[in-house]
C-alpha atoms as a PDB file:
ATOM      1  CA  MET A   1     -60.027-102.900-135.476  1.00  0.00           C
ATOM      2  CA  ALA A   2     -58.347 -99.796-136.704  1.00  0.00           C
ATOM      3  CA  PHE A   3     -59.269-100.907-140.191  1.00  0.00           C
ATOM      4  CA  ILE A   4     -62.679-101.577-139.373  1.00  0.00           C
ATOM      5  CA  LEU A   5     -63.386 -98.046-137.601  1.00  0.00           C
ATOM      6  CA  ALA A   6     -61.730 -96.498-140.736  1.00  0.00           C
ATOM      7  CA  ASP A   7     -64.115 -98.526-143.073  1.00  0.00           C
ATOM      8  CA  VAL A   8     -67.012 -97.261-141.013  1.00  0.00           C
ATOM      9  CA  THR A   9     -66.373 -93.946-140.924  1.00  0.00           C
ATOM     10  CA  GLN A  10     -65.838 -94.074-144.568  1.00  0.00           C
ATOM     11  CA  LEU A  11     -69.271 -95.445-145.116  1.00  0.00           C
ATOM     12  CA  THR A  12     -71.216 -93.380-142.638  1.00  0.00           C
ATOM     13  CA  SER A  13     -69.924 -90.584-144.597  1.00  0.00           C
ATOM     14  CA  CYS A  14     -70.867 -91.997-147.938  1.00  0.00           C
ATOM     15  CA  ASN A  15     -74.724 -92.099-146.477  1.00  0.00           C
ATOM     16  CA  GLU A  16     -74.598 -88.961-145.169  1.00  0.00           C
ATOM     17  CA  ASP A  17     -73.722 -87.258-148.827  1.00  0.00           C
ATOM     18  CA  ARG A  18     -76.468 -89.878-149.858  1.00  0.00           C
ATOM     19  CA  ALA A  19     -78.773 -88.045-147.652  1.00  0.00           C
ATOM     20  CA  ALA A  20     -78.130 -84.350-148.328  1.00  0.00           C
ATOM     21  CA  VAL A  21     -78.333 -85.497-152.284  1.00  0.00           C
ATOM     22  CA  LEU A  22     -81.865 -87.059-151.742  1.00  0.00           C
ATOM     23  CA  LYS A  23     -83.215 -83.628-150.040  1.00  0.00           C
ATOM     24  CA  THR A  24     -82.043 -82.043-153.152  1.00  0.00           C
ATOM     25  CA  THR A  25     -83.512 -84.499-155.832  1.00  0.00           C
ATOM     26  CA  VAL A  26     -86.741 -85.588-154.804  1.00  0.00           C
ATOM     27  CA  ALA A  27     -88.207 -82.289-152.582  1.00  0.00           C
ATOM     28  CA  ASN A  28     -90.622 -81.364-155.201  1.00  0.00           C
ATOM     29  CA  ASP A  29     -91.919 -84.143-155.354  1.00  0.00           C
ATOM     30  CA  ASN A  30     -93.080 -84.182-151.658  1.00  0.00           C
ATOM     31  CA  LEU A  31     -91.334 -87.226-150.117  1.00  0.00           C
ATOM     32  CA  VAL A  32     -90.144 -87.439-146.702  1.00  0.00           C
ATOM     33  CA  THR A  33     -86.337 -86.140-146.685  1.00  0.00           C
ATOM     34  CA  VAL A  34     -83.522 -85.672-144.371  1.00  0.00           C
ATOM     35  CA  ASP A  35     -80.153 -83.144-144.559  1.00  0.00           C
ATOM     36  CA  THR A  36     -78.274 -85.362-141.915  1.00  0.00           C
ATOM     37  CA  MET A  37     -75.267 -82.898-143.091  1.00  0.00           C
ATOM     38  CA  LYS A  38     -77.340 -80.188-140.288  1.00  0.00           C
ATOM     39  CA  ILE A  39     -76.832 -82.370-137.456  1.00  0.00           C
ATOM     40  CA  PRO A  40     -75.465 -79.881-135.159  1.00  0.00           C
ATOM     41  CA  HIS A  41     -71.600 -79.850-134.099  1.00  0.00           C
ATOM     42  CA  ASP A  42     -72.261 -80.110-130.298  1.00  0.00           C
ATOM     43  CA  LYS A  43     -72.483 -82.312-127.386  1.00  0.00           C
ATOM     44  CA  LEU A  44     -75.764 -83.240-128.236  1.00  0.00           C
ATOM     45  CA  GLY A  45     -74.818 -83.156-131.988  1.00  0.00           C
ATOM     46  CA  ASP A  46     -72.384 -86.148-130.764  1.00  0.00           C
ATOM     47  CA  ALA A  47     -74.935 -88.256-129.317  1.00  0.00           C
ATOM     48  CA  VAL A  48     -77.476 -87.833-132.377  1.00  0.00           C
ATOM     49  CA  ARG A  49     -74.349 -89.121-134.648  1.00  0.00           C
ATOM     50  CA  TYR A  50     -74.100 -92.406-132.526  1.00  0.00           C
ATOM     51  CA  GLY A  51     -77.493 -92.856-132.266  1.00  0.00           C
ATOM     52  CA  ARG A  52     -77.415 -92.722-136.196  1.00  0.00           C
ATOM     53  CA  GLN A  53     -74.168 -94.641-136.550  1.00  0.00           C
ATOM     54  CA  LEU A  54     -75.825 -97.619-134.434  1.00  0.00           C
ATOM     55  CA  MET A  55     -78.681 -97.575-136.819  1.00  0.00           C
ATOM     56  CA  LEU A  56     -76.368 -98.099-139.278  1.00  0.00           C
ATOM     57  CA  TYR A  57     -73.586 -99.771-137.927  1.00  0.00           C
ATOM     58  CA  THR A  58     -75.674-102.222-134.864  1.00  0.00           C
ATOM     59  CA  ALA A  59     -73.729-105.360-135.194  1.00  0.00           C
ATOM     60  CA  TYR A  60     -70.505-103.649-134.776  1.00  0.00           C
ATOM     61  CA  TYR A  61     -71.422-101.435-132.236  1.00  0.00           C
ATOM     62  CA  ILE A  62     -73.742-103.647-129.887  1.00  0.00           C
ATOM     63  CA  GLY A  63     -73.623-107.194-131.679  1.00  0.00           C
ATOM     64  CA  PRO A  64     -72.418-110.439-130.709  1.00  0.00           C
ATOM     65  CA  ASN A  65     -68.647-109.244-130.656  1.00  0.00           C
ATOM     66  CA  GLY A  66     -69.606-105.263-130.514  1.00  0.00           C
ATOM     67  CA  ILE A  67     -67.102-103.208-129.801  1.00  0.00           C
ATOM     68  CA  ASN A  68     -69.430-100.662-127.424  1.00  0.00           C
ATOM     69  CA  GLY A  69     -71.509-103.986-125.541  1.00  0.00           C
ATOM     70  CA  HIS A  70     -73.432-107.367-126.705  1.00  0.00           C
ATOM     71  CA  TYR A  71     -76.868-106.827-126.912  1.00  0.00           C
ATOM     72  CA  THR A  72     -77.712-107.915-130.618  1.00  0.00           C
ATOM     73  CA  GLY A  73     -77.586-111.731-130.831  1.00  0.00           C
ATOM     74  CA  ASN A  74     -77.566-111.790-134.834  1.00  0.00           C
ATOM     75  CA  LYS A  75     -75.186-109.597-137.067  1.00  0.00           C
ATOM     76  CA  MET A  76     -77.892-107.605-138.726  1.00  0.00           C
ATOM     77  CA  ASN A  77     -78.212-103.803-138.484  1.00  0.00           C
ATOM     78  CA  CYS A  78     -81.425-101.235-137.799  1.00  0.00           C
ATOM     79  CA  THR A  79     -80.801-100.041-141.749  1.00  0.00           C
ATOM     80  CA  ASN A  80     -81.511-103.496-143.020  1.00  0.00           C
ATOM     81  CA  CYS A  81     -85.363-102.995-142.745  1.00  0.00           C
ATOM     82  CA  HIS A  82     -85.124 -98.948-141.553  1.00  0.00           C
ATOM     83  CA  ARG A  83     -83.132 -97.976-144.669  1.00  0.00           C
ATOM     84  CA  ASP A  84     -80.561 -95.076-144.652  1.00  0.00           C
ATOM     85  CA  ALA A  85     -80.931 -95.346-140.672  1.00  0.00           C
ATOM     86  CA  GLY A  86     -85.053 -94.817-141.352  1.00  0.00           C
ATOM     87  CA  THR A  87     -84.701 -91.763-143.503  1.00  0.00           C
ATOM     88  CA  ARG A  88     -85.366 -93.474-146.752  1.00  0.00           C
ATOM     89  CA  PRO A  89     -89.086 -93.008-148.233  1.00  0.00           C
ATOM     90  CA  TYR A  90     -91.333 -96.350-147.790  1.00  0.00           C
ATOM     91  CA  ALA A  91     -88.377 -98.731-146.032  1.00  0.00           C
ATOM     92  CA  PHE A  92     -90.174 -98.081-142.146  1.00  0.00           C
ATOM     93  CA  ASN A  93     -89.078 -94.874-142.303  1.00  0.00           C
ATOM     94  CA  LEU A  94     -88.706 -93.144-138.856  1.00  0.00           C
ATOM     95  CA  VAL A  95     -88.798 -89.112-139.330  1.00  0.00           C
ATOM     96  CA  THR A  96     -92.292 -89.211-137.344  1.00  0.00           C
ATOM     97  CA  VAL A  97     -91.645 -92.109-134.838  1.00  0.00           C
ATOM     98  CA  PHE A  98     -90.687 -89.352-131.986  1.00  0.00           C
ATOM     99  CA  ARG A  99     -93.856 -87.696-131.909  1.00  0.00           C
ATOM    100  CA  ASN A 100     -96.206 -90.513-132.264  1.00  0.00           C
ATOM    101  CA  TYR A 101     -94.932 -92.069-129.146  1.00  0.00           C
ATOM    102  CA  PRO A 102     -96.207 -93.271-126.384  1.00  0.00           C
ATOM    103  CA  GLN A 103     -98.296 -95.932-128.413  1.00  0.00           C
ATOM    104  CA  TYR A 104    -100.988 -98.111-127.715  1.00  0.00           C
ATOM    105  CA  ARG A 105    -100.084-101.382-129.918  1.00  0.00           C
ATOM    106  CA  ALA A 106    -101.756-104.024-130.606  1.00  0.00           C
ATOM    107  CA  ARG A 107     -99.247-106.465-130.924  1.00  0.00           C
ATOM    108  CA  GLU A 108     -98.601-106.052-127.031  1.00  0.00           C
ATOM    109  CA  GLY A 109    -102.181-104.829-126.105  1.00  0.00           C
ATOM    110  CA  ARG A 110    -101.262-101.993-124.645  1.00  0.00           C
ATOM    111  CA  VAL A 111     -99.597 -98.832-124.470  1.00  0.00           C
ATOM    112  CA  LEU A 112     -95.624 -98.710-125.267  1.00  0.00           C
ATOM    113  CA  SER A 113     -93.361 -95.827-124.655  1.00  0.00           C
ATOM    114  CA  LEU A 114     -90.455 -95.329-127.526  1.00  0.00           C
ATOM    115  CA  ALA A 115     -87.702 -96.990-125.914  1.00  0.00           C
ATOM    116  CA  GLU A 116     -90.180-100.179-125.133  1.00  0.00           C
ATOM    117  CA  ARG A 117     -90.364 -99.852-129.212  1.00  0.00           C
ATOM    118  CA  ILE A 118     -86.877 -99.613-129.279  1.00  0.00           C
ATOM    119  CA  ASN A 119     -86.203-102.774-127.679  1.00  0.00           C
ATOM    120  CA  ASN A 120     -89.034-104.504-128.996  1.00  0.00           C
ATOM    121  CA  CYS A 121     -86.465-104.706-132.365  1.00  0.00           C
ATOM    122  CA  VAL A 122     -83.541-105.147-130.536  1.00  0.00           C
ATOM    123  CA  MET A 123     -85.176-108.565-128.962  1.00  0.00           C
ATOM    124  CA  ARG A 124     -87.113-109.616-132.251  1.00  0.00           C
ATOM    125  CA  PRO A 125     -85.390-109.290-135.434  1.00  0.00           C
ATOM    126  CA  ASN A 126     -82.022-108.791-133.864  1.00  0.00           C
ATOM    127  CA  LEU A 127     -82.720-111.732-130.948  1.00  0.00           C
ATOM    128  CA  GLY A 128     -81.019-109.562-128.442  1.00  0.00           C
ATOM    129  CA  ARG A 129     -81.322-108.156-124.870  1.00  0.00           C
ATOM    130  CA  PRO A 130     -83.080-105.168-123.877  1.00  0.00           C
ATOM    131  CA  LEU A 131     -80.947-102.176-123.993  1.00  0.00           C
ATOM    132  CA  PRO A 132     -80.545-100.293-120.450  1.00  0.00           C
ATOM    133  CA  LEU A 133     -83.226 -97.062-120.310  1.00  0.00           C
ATOM    134  CA  ASP A 134     -80.780 -94.957-119.035  1.00  0.00           C
ATOM    135  CA  GLY A 135     -77.585 -96.266-121.059  1.00  0.00           C
ATOM    136  CA  ARG A 136     -75.838 -94.338-124.011  1.00  0.00           C
ATOM    137  CA  GLU A 137     -77.092 -96.233-126.583  1.00  0.00           C
ATOM    138  CA  MET A 138     -80.468 -95.914-125.789  1.00  0.00           C
ATOM    139  CA  ILE A 139     -80.606 -92.396-125.182  1.00  0.00           C
ATOM    140  CA  SER A 140     -78.364 -91.748-128.128  1.00  0.00           C
ATOM    141  CA  ILE A 141     -81.061 -93.765-130.599  1.00  0.00           C
ATOM    142  CA  MET A 142     -83.645 -91.686-128.799  1.00  0.00           C
ATOM    143  CA  ALA A 143     -81.869 -88.171-129.752  1.00  0.00           C
ATOM    144  CA  TYR A 144     -81.568 -89.348-133.236  1.00  0.00           C
ATOM    145  CA  LEU A 145     -85.147 -89.916-133.527  1.00  0.00           C
ATOM    146  CA  LYS A 146     -86.186 -86.972-131.725  1.00  0.00           C
ATOM    147  CA  TRP A 147     -83.341 -84.961-134.279  1.00  0.00           C
ATOM    148  CA  LEU A 148     -85.342 -86.815-137.153  1.00  0.00           C
ATOM    149  CA  SER A 149     -88.742 -85.207-135.804  1.00  0.00           C
ATOM    150  CA  ASP A 150     -87.614 -82.214-135.321  1.00  0.00           C
ATOM    151  CA  SER A 151     -85.657 -81.592-138.593  1.00  0.00           C
ATOM    152  CA  ALA A 152     -87.935 -82.866-141.267  1.00  0.00           C
ATOM    153  CA  ASN A 153     -90.515 -80.744-142.805  1.00  0.00           C
ATOM    154  CA  VAL A 154     -93.215 -83.422-142.515  1.00  0.00           C
ATOM    155  CA  ASN A 155     -97.148 -82.391-143.678  1.00  0.00           C
ATOM    156  CA  SER A 156    -100.230 -83.966-144.268  1.00  0.00           C
ATOM    157  CA  GLN A 157     -99.265 -84.245-148.102  1.00  0.00           C
ATOM    158  CA  THR A 158     -95.570 -85.671-147.101  1.00  0.00           C
ATOM    159  CA  LYS A 159     -95.276 -89.197-148.885  1.00  0.00           C
ATOM    160  CA  GLY A 160     -92.875 -91.835-148.024  1.00  0.00           C
ATOM    161  CA  LEU A 161     -93.877 -91.775-144.298  1.00  0.00           C
ATOM    162  CA  LYS A 162     -95.542 -95.213-144.254  1.00  0.00           C
ATOM    163  CA  ASN A 163     -94.890 -98.337-146.189  1.00  0.00           C
ATOM    164  CA  MET A 164     -96.222 -98.858-149.942  1.00  0.00           C
ATOM    165  CA  GLY A 165     -99.368-100.154-149.801  1.00  0.00           C
ATOM    166  CA  VAL A 166    -100.559-103.574-151.993  1.00  0.00           C
ATOM    167  CA  ALA A 167    -103.610-104.561-153.364  1.00  0.00           C
ATOM    168  CA  PHE A 168    -104.739-108.037-152.885  1.00  0.00           C
ATOM    169  CA  PRO A 169    -105.319-110.019-155.365  1.00  0.00           C
ATOM    170  CA  ASP A 170    -108.300-112.513-155.543  1.00  0.00           C
ATOM    171  CA  THR A 171    -106.305-115.736-154.958  1.00  0.00           C
ATOM    172  CA  ALA A 172    -104.057-116.429-152.169  1.00  0.00           C
ATOM    173  CA  ALA A 173    -100.259-115.637-151.671  1.00  0.00           C
ATOM    174  CA  SER A 174     -98.303-118.607-153.704  1.00  0.00           C
ATOM    175  CA  SER A 175     -95.299-119.643-152.004  1.00  0.00           C
ATOM    176  CA  ALA A 176     -94.303-121.756-155.079  1.00  0.00           C
ATOM    177  CA  ASN A 177     -94.498-119.402-157.271  1.00  0.00           C
ATOM    178  CA  GLY A 178     -92.605-117.166-155.088  1.00  0.00           C
ATOM    179  CA  GLU A 179     -89.306-119.713-154.476  1.00  0.00           C
ATOM    180  CA  ARG A 180     -89.100-119.051-158.512  1.00  0.00           C
ATOM    181  CA  LEU A 181     -89.801-115.392-158.084  1.00  0.00           C
ATOM    182  CA  TYR A 182     -86.847-115.443-155.521  1.00  0.00           C
ATOM    183  CA  ALA A 183     -84.615-117.321-157.809  1.00  0.00           C
ATOM    184  CA  ILE A 184     -85.051-114.536-160.161  1.00  0.00           C
ATOM    185  CA  ASN A 185     -84.576-111.460-157.849  1.00  0.00           C
ATOM    186  CA  CYS A 186     -83.223-112.193-154.360  1.00  0.00           C
ATOM    187  CA  THR A 187     -80.693-115.265-154.862  1.00  0.00           C
ATOM    188  CA  ARG A 188     -77.679-113.206-155.772  1.00  0.00           C
ATOM    189  CA  CYS A 189     -77.486-111.290-153.010  1.00  0.00           C
ATOM    190  CA  HIS A 190     -79.409-113.387-150.199  1.00  0.00           C
ATOM    191  CA  GLY A 191     -78.308-116.816-151.042  1.00  0.00           C
ATOM    192  CA  ALA A 192     -80.274-120.177-152.048  1.00  0.00           C
ATOM    193  CA  ASN A 193     -80.944-121.009-148.568  1.00  0.00           C
ATOM    194  CA  GLY A 194     -81.495-117.289-147.084  1.00  0.00           C
ATOM    195  CA  GLU A 195     -78.140-117.241-145.482  1.00  0.00           C
ATOM    196  CA  GLY A 196     -77.487-113.897-146.634  1.00  0.00           C
ATOM    197  CA  GLN A 197     -73.889-112.639-147.259  1.00  0.00           C
ATOM    198  CA  MET A 198     -71.312-111.741-144.235  1.00  0.00           C
ATOM    199  CA  ARG A 199     -69.205-108.980-145.000  1.00  0.00           C
ATOM    200  CA  PHE A 200     -65.050-109.829-145.350  1.00  0.00           C
ATOM    201  CA  ASP A 201     -64.579-108.714-142.094  1.00  0.00           C
ATOM    202  CA  GLU A 202     -67.399-111.096-140.488  1.00  0.00           C
ATOM    203  CA  VAL A 203     -68.779-107.901-138.356  1.00  0.00           C
ATOM    204  CA  THR A 204     -72.005-108.026-139.757  1.00  0.00           C
ATOM    205  CA  TYR A 205     -73.959-108.961-143.267  1.00  0.00           C
ATOM    206  CA  THR A 206     -73.639-106.925-146.919  1.00  0.00           C
ATOM    207  CA  TYR A 207     -76.882-108.386-147.098  1.00  0.00           C
ATOM    208  CA  PRO A 208     -78.830-110.169-144.880  1.00  0.00           C
ATOM    209  CA  PRO A 209     -80.077-113.403-144.099  1.00  0.00           C
ATOM    210  CA  LEU A 210     -83.796-113.806-144.455  1.00  0.00           C
ATOM    211  CA  TRP A 211     -84.643-117.136-142.854  1.00  0.00           C
ATOM    212  CA  GLY A 212     -82.500-119.928-140.641  1.00  0.00           C
ATOM    213  CA  ALA A 213     -80.687-119.359-137.228  1.00  0.00           C
ATOM    214  CA  LYS A 214     -79.443-115.725-137.518  1.00  0.00           C
ATOM    215  CA  ALA A 215     -82.306-114.458-139.105  1.00  0.00           C
ATOM    216  CA  TYR A 216     -85.318-112.202-137.791  1.00  0.00           C
ATOM    217  CA  ARG A 217     -87.443-114.259-135.252  1.00  0.00           C
ATOM    218  CA  GLN A 218     -91.263-115.108-135.373  1.00  0.00           C
ATOM    219  CA  GLY A 219     -93.375-112.124-134.121  1.00  0.00           C
ATOM    220  CA  SER A 220     -91.509-109.845-135.729  1.00  0.00           C
ATOM    221  CA  SER A 221     -92.962-107.178-138.428  1.00  0.00           C
ATOM    222  CA  MET A 222     -91.318-108.449-141.173  1.00  0.00           C
ATOM    223  CA  HIS A 223     -92.512-112.202-140.631  1.00  0.00           C
ATOM    224  CA  ARG A 224     -95.921-111.097-141.764  1.00  0.00           C
ATOM    225  CA  ILE A 225     -96.769-111.521-145.606  1.00  0.00           C
ATOM    226  CA  VAL A 226     -98.135-108.503-146.177  1.00  0.00           C
ATOM    227  CA  LYS A 227     -95.908-106.609-144.130  1.00  0.00           C
ATOM    228  CA  LEU A 228     -93.366-107.860-145.627  1.00  0.00           C
ATOM    229  CA  ALA A 229     -94.504-107.494-149.360  1.00  0.00           C
ATOM    230  CA  GLN A 230     -95.431-103.557-148.571  1.00  0.00           C
ATOM    231  CA  TRP A 231     -91.459-103.187-147.900  1.00  0.00           C
ATOM    232  CA  LEU A 232     -90.766-105.632-150.863  1.00  0.00           C
ATOM    233  CA  ILE A 233     -92.720-103.288-153.462  1.00  0.00           C
ATOM    234  CA  ALA A 234     -90.839-100.075-152.795  1.00  0.00           C
ATOM    235  CA  ASN A 235     -87.179-101.566-152.223  1.00  0.00           C
ATOM    236  CA  MET A 236     -86.377-104.713-153.921  1.00  0.00           C
ATOM    237  CA  PRO A 237     -84.543-105.603-155.735  1.00  0.00           C
ATOM    238  CA  TYR A 238     -82.448-102.449-154.881  1.00  0.00           C
ATOM    239  CA  ASP A 239     -80.814-101.615-157.613  1.00  0.00           C
ATOM    240  CA  LYS A 240     -83.961-102.395-160.100  1.00  0.00           C
ATOM    241  CA  VAL A 241     -86.575-100.241-158.020  1.00  0.00           C
ATOM    242  CA  THR A 242     -87.338 -96.702-157.163  1.00  0.00           C
ATOM    243  CA  HIS A 243     -89.786 -94.384-155.393  1.00  0.00           C
ATOM    244  CA  TYR A 244     -91.761 -93.861-158.283  1.00  0.00           C
ATOM    245  CA  LYS A 245     -91.675 -97.117-160.469  1.00  0.00           C
ATOM    246  CA  PRO A 246     -91.796-100.486-158.429  1.00  0.00           C
ATOM    247  CA  TYR A 247     -90.180-103.431-160.178  1.00  0.00           C
ATOM    248  CA  LEU A 248     -92.584-106.220-158.771  1.00  0.00           C
ATOM    249  CA  SER A 249     -95.666-106.462-159.111  1.00  0.00           C
ATOM    250  CA  ASP A 250     -98.012-106.435-155.679  1.00  0.00           C
ATOM    251  CA  ALA A 251     -98.533-110.206-156.639  1.00  0.00           C
ATOM    252  CA  GLU A 252     -95.180-111.025-156.713  1.00  0.00           C
ATOM    253  CA  ALA A 253     -94.250-109.347-153.479  1.00  0.00           C
ATOM    254  CA  LEU A 254     -96.882-111.078-152.060  1.00  0.00           C
ATOM    255  CA  ASP A 255     -95.308-114.253-153.413  1.00  0.00           C
ATOM    256  CA  ILE A 256     -91.863-113.562-152.358  1.00  0.00           C
ATOM    257  CA  ALA A 257     -92.997-112.788-148.976  1.00  0.00           C
ATOM    258  CA  ALA A 258     -94.757-115.945-148.832  1.00  0.00           C
ATOM    259  CA  PHE A 259     -91.899-118.037-149.951  1.00  0.00           C
ATOM    260  CA  ILE A 260     -89.448-116.408-146.970  1.00  0.00           C
ATOM    261  CA  ASN A 261     -92.352-116.458-144.638  1.00  0.00           C
ATOM    262  CA  ASP A 262     -93.256-120.057-145.156  1.00  0.00           C
ATOM    263  CA  ASP A 263     -92.115-122.033-141.680  1.00  0.00           C
ATOM    264  CA  LYS A 264     -93.014-125.272-143.232  1.00  0.00           C
ATOM    265  CA  LYS A 265     -89.992-124.473-145.562  1.00  0.00           C
ATOM    266  CA  HIS A 266     -87.747-122.305-143.518  1.00  0.00           C
ATOM    267  CA  PRO A 267     -86.834-122.430-139.770  1.00  0.00           C
ATOM    268  CA  ARG A 268     -86.167-119.053-137.880  1.00  0.00           C
ATOM    269  CA  PRO A 269     -85.849-118.387-134.361  1.00  0.00           C
ATOM    270  CA  SER A 270     -89.003-118.711-132.576  1.00  0.00           C
ATOM    271  CA  LYS A 271     -88.111-118.813-128.668  1.00  0.00           C
ATOM    272  CA  GLY A 272     -87.245-115.859-126.900  1.00  0.00           C
ATOM    273  CA  ILE A 273     -90.262-113.539-126.574  1.00  0.00           C
ATOM    274  CA  THR A 274     -92.451-114.623-123.695  1.00  0.00           C
ATOM    275  CA  GLU A 275     -95.359-111.685-124.151  1.00  0.00           C
ATOM    276  CA  ILE A 276     -98.825-112.781-125.722  1.00  0.00           C
ATOM    277  CA  GLN A 277     -99.172-112.015-129.017  1.00  0.00           C
ATOM    278  CA  TYR A 278    -102.123-109.881-129.950  1.00  0.00           C
ATOM    279  CA  PRO A 279    -103.954-110.463-126.604  1.00  0.00           C
ATOM    280  CA  HIS A 280    -107.268-109.363-128.173  1.00  0.00           C
ATOM    281  CA  ALA A 281    -108.422-111.153-130.998  1.00  0.00           C
ATOM    282  CA  GLU A 282    -110.467-108.054-132.934  1.00  0.00           C
ATOM    283  CA  GLU A 283    -107.101-105.661-132.725  1.00  0.00           C
ATOM    284  CA  LYS A 284    -105.348-108.987-134.510  1.00  0.00           C
ATOM    285  CA  ALA A 285    -103.559-107.734-137.973  1.00  0.00           C
ATOM    286  CA  ILE A 286    -105.123-109.928-140.410  1.00  0.00           C
ATOM    287  CA  ASP A 287    -102.207-111.666-142.012  1.00  0.00           C
ATOM    288  CA  TYR A 288    -101.308-112.813-138.214  1.00  0.00           C
ATOM    289  CA  ASP A 289    -101.880-116.793-138.028  1.00  0.00           C
ATOM    290  CA  LYS A 290    -102.674-117.699-134.630  1.00  0.00           C
ATOM    291  CA  GLY A 291    -105.958-117.865-133.503  1.00  0.00           C
ATOM    292  CA  PRO A 292    -107.785-117.174-131.611  1.00  0.00           C
ATOM    293  CA  PHE A 293    -110.039-115.180-134.561  1.00  0.00           C
ATOM    294  CA  ILE A 294    -112.916-113.372-134.361  1.00  0.00           C
ATOM    295  CA  ASP A 295    -113.327-114.443-137.819  1.00  0.00           C
ATOM    296  CA  SER A 296    -113.894-118.154-139.215  1.00  0.00           C
ATOM    297  CA  PHE A 297    -111.035-117.714-141.481  1.00  0.00           C
ATOM    298  CA  SER A 298    -108.458-120.595-140.887  1.00  0.00           C
ATOM    299  CA  GLU A 299    -104.766-119.942-139.880  1.00  0.00           C
ATOM    300  CA  THR A 300    -103.357-120.884-143.550  1.00  0.00           C
ATOM    301  CA  GLN A 301    -105.815-117.866-145.134  1.00  0.00           C
ATOM    302  CA  HIS A 302    -104.882-115.716-142.450  1.00  0.00           C
ATOM    303  CA  LYS A 303    -101.273-116.391-142.902  1.00  0.00           C
ATOM    304  CA  PHE A 304    -101.133-116.894-147.031  1.00  0.00           C
ATOM    305  CA  GLY A 305    -104.486-114.987-148.106  1.00  0.00           C
ATOM    306  CA  PRO A 306    -106.837-114.826-149.844  1.00  0.00           C
ATOM    307  CA  TYR A 307    -106.907-111.531-147.320  1.00  0.00           C
ATOM    308  CA  LYS A 308    -109.992-109.713-149.461  1.00  0.00           C
ATOM    309  CA  PRO A 309    -112.696-112.060-147.511  1.00  0.00           C
ATOM    310  CA  ILE A 310    -111.018-111.379-144.616  1.00  0.00           C
ATOM    311  CA  ALA A 311    -110.686-107.231-144.459  1.00  0.00           C
ATOM    312  CA  GLN A 312    -114.703-107.823-146.236  1.00  0.00           C
ATOM    313  CA  TYR A 313    -115.738-109.563-142.845  1.00  0.00           C
ATOM    314  CA  TRP A 314    -113.853-107.442-140.728  1.00  0.00           C
ATOM    315  CA  GLU A 315    -115.716-104.337-142.685  1.00  0.00           C
ATOM    316  CA  SER A 316    -118.996-105.815-142.285  1.00  0.00           C
ATOM    317  CA  LYS A 317    -118.504-106.090-138.563  1.00  0.00           C
ATOM    318  CA  GLY A 318    -117.900-102.456-138.043  1.00  0.00           C
ATOM    319  CA  LEU A 319    -113.805-103.582-137.271  1.00  0.00           C
ATOM    320  CA  LYS A 320    -111.266-101.869-139.210  1.00  0.00           C
ATOM    321  CA  PRO A 321    -108.704-104.441-140.731  1.00  0.00           C
ATOM    322  CA  THR A 322    -104.921-103.846-139.906  1.00  0.00           C
ATOM    323  CA  TYR A 323    -102.229-105.215-142.060  1.00  0.00           C
END
C-alpha cells in the first residue's frame, strides 16, 4: 500500500504542474484556467487538496477497495469525465459549478443542491451509494469546487466552461460506422470489447471501460449520444486532439458515440436508480430515448437522430431543445 500511495503522490504532482503550465500557455486565448499551485497551505487548503485527490483518484480513496471508504461500485475516477479534476476546458468543466447550484435539473424534475448533484455522479456513472452529506469526502469535494469557483478568473468571454458543440448532420448517427471508427481510434486504449485497461495494481483503470458491467450506467449523461459526442470532439483521441483543432469530425464523434451507447450491442448497468428520468416530457433532452415524448418522433430517432427535425419541431412549438 505504501508503494501505491507514493505513486498517487507522484501523479498528483504531475497533474498540478500541468495545470500551472496550462495557465501560462493558454491564458491569452481566454480558455478557462486554474492554477492549483495557489491552493492555500492551511486547514481549508488541506480539505481542498483532498477534494482534488478524490476527483483524480476516486477509486483509490472511496472505490470498492478504497482506503477511506467503499462508496463507488466500480474503479473509475471522476477525472475520467471531468478531466484534470474538472479544470480541463471542454471536458465537463467544473470551475463554475459551485456558483451555479442549487439548480433546477430537468432529468430529476426538481431543484438539486450541489451535494445531491455530486451524489448523482457517485451513484450513476460510478455505480455507487451516496456520500454522507456531513462526511469528510463530501465536505472536501465541496471545498475543492468552491475553491475552483473563487480562484478562476471567469467572464462572459471565457471559453471551455461548457462542452464543445457539435453540428447535427442530416442523417442519423451510425452505430455501424461508429464501430469502424472505434476500431481505428479507440480500441488501442479502451479495448475491442470496451473493457478498458486496468492499472497494474488493479486499483483503478489507466483507460476506463466504455460499456459492460463496470461502465457508466444507463441514465448517466454520457449515455446520451449527443452529450457523449460533445465530449469526444474536444477530448479524443487524447493524443491527437487539441483545444484548437478537433481530430474527429462532428459526424464521426456522433457515430462513435452511437456505437458506444448502442444498447442492442453493448450491455451496461441499468438497475440501481429508482428515480424517474425526465418526469416532464417538455423538458426532456432530445437525445434521451425513453418516452413519453411531446412529439411524434420514435425512440430510435430520439436515440440516434437525425436530430435536426426534432429540434426544429420543438422550436416551432416555442420550446427550447436541449441536448
